[in-house]
Amino acid sequence: MSSNEDDILLLNLIREGDKLAFRHLFESYFTPLCRFMHLYIRETTIVEELALDIFTYVWENRKTLQIQLSLKAYLFQAARNKCLNTLRQKKLTISLEDTDFDVAETNVMSLETDELYHLIQEAVMALPDKCREVFQLSRSENRTNQEIAAQLNIQL
């Protein structure tokens, strides 16, 4: 039996109120979902609460639940959405009165700088070897185009 067929059978059993089938679903996916959600949210208790919310929703809406692809895909998409909504909500609930504006502004700038640095590093690592070497000589060692060309034996 394929995993998709297993998902259909499991979902049908859950729809009928089979608690053992639901328990199997929970035991199979709770830990992987938590690990996945931990990539978005670092607080274990929040991650576990969100995962429990997903399983509670599945159980409470089992009769009307519409799953297009697979049960696994549904659970992981729900986990991603829960994390993004939680992060969005967390961002909205921070008020300026609760924070020192200068500290908040500095933290945001620091986060943006860190994110930009990581994006640049990823882009540099994706360059072909020679291009990456030229870029690093130019940016890291502040070499001129003529110095780089001479060092790498490139004709301008």
Protein backbone atom coordinates (compact mmCIF):
# COMPACT_ATOMS: atom_id res chain seq x y z
CA MET A 1 0.00 0.00 0.00
CA SER A 2 1.34 3.45 -0.88
CA SER A 3 1.63 6.19 1.70
CA ASN A 4 -1.17 8.09 -0.05
CA GLU A 5 -3.43 5.03 0.25
CA ASP A 6 -2.40 4.72 3.91
CA ASP A 7 -3.30 8.40 4.39
CA ILE A 8 -6.73 7.87 2.83
CA LEU A 9 -7.41 4.81 4.99
CA LEU A 10 -6.17 6.60 8.12
CA LEU A 11 -8.23 9.70 7.37
CA ASN A 12 -11.35 7.60 6.74
CA LEU A 13 -10.87 5.82 10.08
CA ILE A 14 -10.37 9.15 11.85
CA ARG A 15 -13.50 10.55 10.15
CA GLU A 16 -15.42 7.60 11.64
CA GLY A 17 -14.13 8.56 15.10
CA ASP A 18 -11.47 5.84 15.42
CA LYS A 19 -9.34 7.01 18.35
CA LEU A 20 -6.61 4.42 17.69
CA ALA A 21 -6.19 5.72 14.14
CA PHE A 22 -5.98 9.28 15.46
CA ARG A 23 -3.46 8.18 18.08
CA HIS A 24 -1.38 6.57 15.33
CA LEU A 25 -1.51 9.84 13.37
CA PHE A 26 -0.49 11.82 16.44
CA GLU A 27 2.38 9.49 17.36
CA SER A 28 3.63 9.41 13.77
CA TYR A 29 3.64 13.16 13.16
CA PHE A 30 3.81 15.06 16.46
CA THR A 31 7.62 14.95 16.83
CA PRO A 32 8.39 15.61 13.13
CA LEU A 33 5.96 18.55 13.14
CA CYS A 34 7.57 19.99 16.26
CA ARG A 35 11.04 19.69 14.71
CA PHE A 36 9.79 21.39 11.56
CA MET A 37 8.06 24.19 13.46
CA HIS A 38 11.17 24.69 15.59
CA LEU A 39 12.83 26.04 12.44
CA TYR A 40 10.41 28.98 12.63
CA ILE A 41 9.87 29.32 16.37
CA ARG A 42 12.62 28.52 18.87
CA GLU A 43 10.42 28.19 21.96
CA THR A 44 9.63 24.52 22.53
CA THR A 45 6.51 25.11 24.62
CA ILE A 46 4.98 27.35 21.95
CA VAL A 47 5.86 24.84 19.22
CA GLU A 48 4.27 21.98 21.16
CA GLU A 49 1.12 24.04 21.82
CA LEU A 50 0.83 24.87 18.13
CA ALA A 51 1.28 21.21 17.16
CA LEU A 52 -1.40 20.21 19.66
CA ASP A 53 -3.69 22.89 18.17
CA ILE A 54 -3.25 21.30 14.74
CA PHE A 55 -4.15 17.83 15.99
CA THR A 56 -7.08 19.22 17.99
CA TYR A 57 -8.36 20.93 14.85
CA VAL A 58 -8.01 17.71 12.84
CA TRP A 59 -9.96 15.73 15.46
CA GLU A 60 -12.68 18.35 15.94
CA ASN A 61 -13.15 18.83 12.18
CA ARG A 62 -12.51 15.24 11.12
CA LYS A 63 -15.89 14.81 9.43
CA THR A 64 -15.58 17.87 7.19
CA LEU A 65 -11.81 18.03 6.73
CA GLN A 66 -10.87 18.39 3.05
CA ILE A 67 -7.37 17.18 2.23
CA GLN A 68 -6.20 17.67 -1.35
CA LEU A 69 -2.75 16.04 -1.48
CA SER A 70 -1.78 13.88 1.47
CA LEU A 71 -2.34 13.87 5.19
CA LYS A 72 1.37 14.49 5.75
CA ALA A 73 1.40 17.45 3.35
CA TYR A 74 -1.71 18.85 5.02
CA LEU A 75 -0.16 18.60 8.50
CA PHE A 76 3.11 20.25 7.48
CA GLN A 77 1.33 23.03 5.59
CA ALA A 78 -0.87 23.61 8.65
CA ALA A 79 2.27 23.71 10.81
CA ARG A 80 3.92 26.26 8.53
CA ASN A 81 0.80 28.42 8.52
CA LYS A 82 0.49 28.22 12.33
CA CYS A 83 4.10 29.33 12.73
CA LEU A 84 3.79 32.22 10.31
CA ASN A 85 0.55 33.39 11.90
CA THR A 86 2.10 33.18 15.37
CA LEU A 87 5.17 35.15 14.27
CA ARG A 88 2.96 37.73 12.57
CA GLN A 89 0.77 38.03 15.67
CA LYS A 90 3.83 38.31 17.93
CA LYS A 91 5.16 41.11 15.73
CA LEU A 92 1.85 42.99 15.89
CA THR A 93 1.50 42.76 19.67
CA ILE A 94 4.77 44.54 20.43
CA SER A 95 3.86 48.14 21.13
CA LEU A 96 6.17 51.13 21.18
CA GLU A 97 5.16 51.87 24.77
CA ASP A 98 6.49 48.49 25.85
CA THR A 99 9.89 49.00 24.25
CA ASP A 100 12.57 51.63 24.18
CA PHE A 101 12.28 52.97 20.63
CA ASP A 102 16.05 53.28 20.15
CA VAL A 103 16.61 49.71 21.29
CA ALA A 104 13.78 48.43 19.09
CA GLU A 105 15.09 50.34 16.08
CA THR A 106 18.62 49.06 16.69
CA ASN A 107 17.37 45.47 17.03
CA VAL A 108 15.41 45.70 13.78
CA MET A 109 18.41 47.16 11.98
CA SER A 110 20.63 44.45 13.43
CA LEU A 111 18.22 41.71 12.30
CA GLU A 112 17.97 43.24 8.83
CA THR A 113 21.75 43.51 8.61
CA ASP A 114 22.18 39.89 9.71
CA GLU A 115 19.59 38.72 7.20
CA LEU A 116 21.21 40.73 4.41
CA TYR A 117 24.65 39.36 5.32
CA HIS A 118 23.36 35.77 5.15
CA LEU A 119 21.67 36.41 1.80
CA ILE A 120 24.89 37.86 0.42
CA GLN A 121 26.88 34.88 1.73
CA GLU A 122 24.44 32.46 0.07
CA ALA A 123 24.69 34.35 -3.22
CA VAL A 124 28.49 34.41 -3.06
CA MET A 125 28.65 30.67 -2.31
CA ALA A 126 26.42 30.03 -5.36
CA LEU A 127 28.89 31.79 -7.69
CA PRO A 128 31.26 29.71 -9.82
CA ASP A 129 34.68 29.24 -8.16
CA LYS A 130 36.57 31.88 -10.18
CA CYS A 131 33.80 34.46 -9.82
CA ARG A 132 33.64 33.82 -6.08
CA GLU A 133 37.42 34.23 -5.82
CA VAL A 134 37.32 37.54 -7.72
CA PHE A 135 34.44 38.80 -5.58
CA GLN A 136 36.21 37.86 -2.34
CA LEU A 137 39.47 39.48 -3.41
CA SER A 138 37.57 42.61 -4.34
CA ARG A 139 35.35 42.85 -1.25
CA SER A 140 37.27 41.11 1.52
CA GLU A 141 40.79 42.18 0.63
CA ASN A 142 39.86 45.48 -1.07
CA ARG A 143 41.95 44.71 -4.13
CA THR A 144 41.60 46.71 -7.34
CA ASN A 145 40.58 45.12 -10.62
CA GLN A 146 44.18 45.43 -11.86
CA GLU A 147 45.57 43.70 -8.74
CA ILE A 148 43.03 40.88 -9.02
CA ALA A 149 43.76 40.43 -12.73
CA ALA A 150 47.51 40.29 -12.06
CA GLN A 151 47.13 37.84 -9.17
CA LEU A 152 44.80 35.51 -11.10
CA ASN A 153 46.59 35.97 -14.41
CA ILE A 154 43.53 37.46 -16.14
CA GLN A 155 43.94 39.81 -19.08
CA LEU A 156 41.87 42.99 -18.97
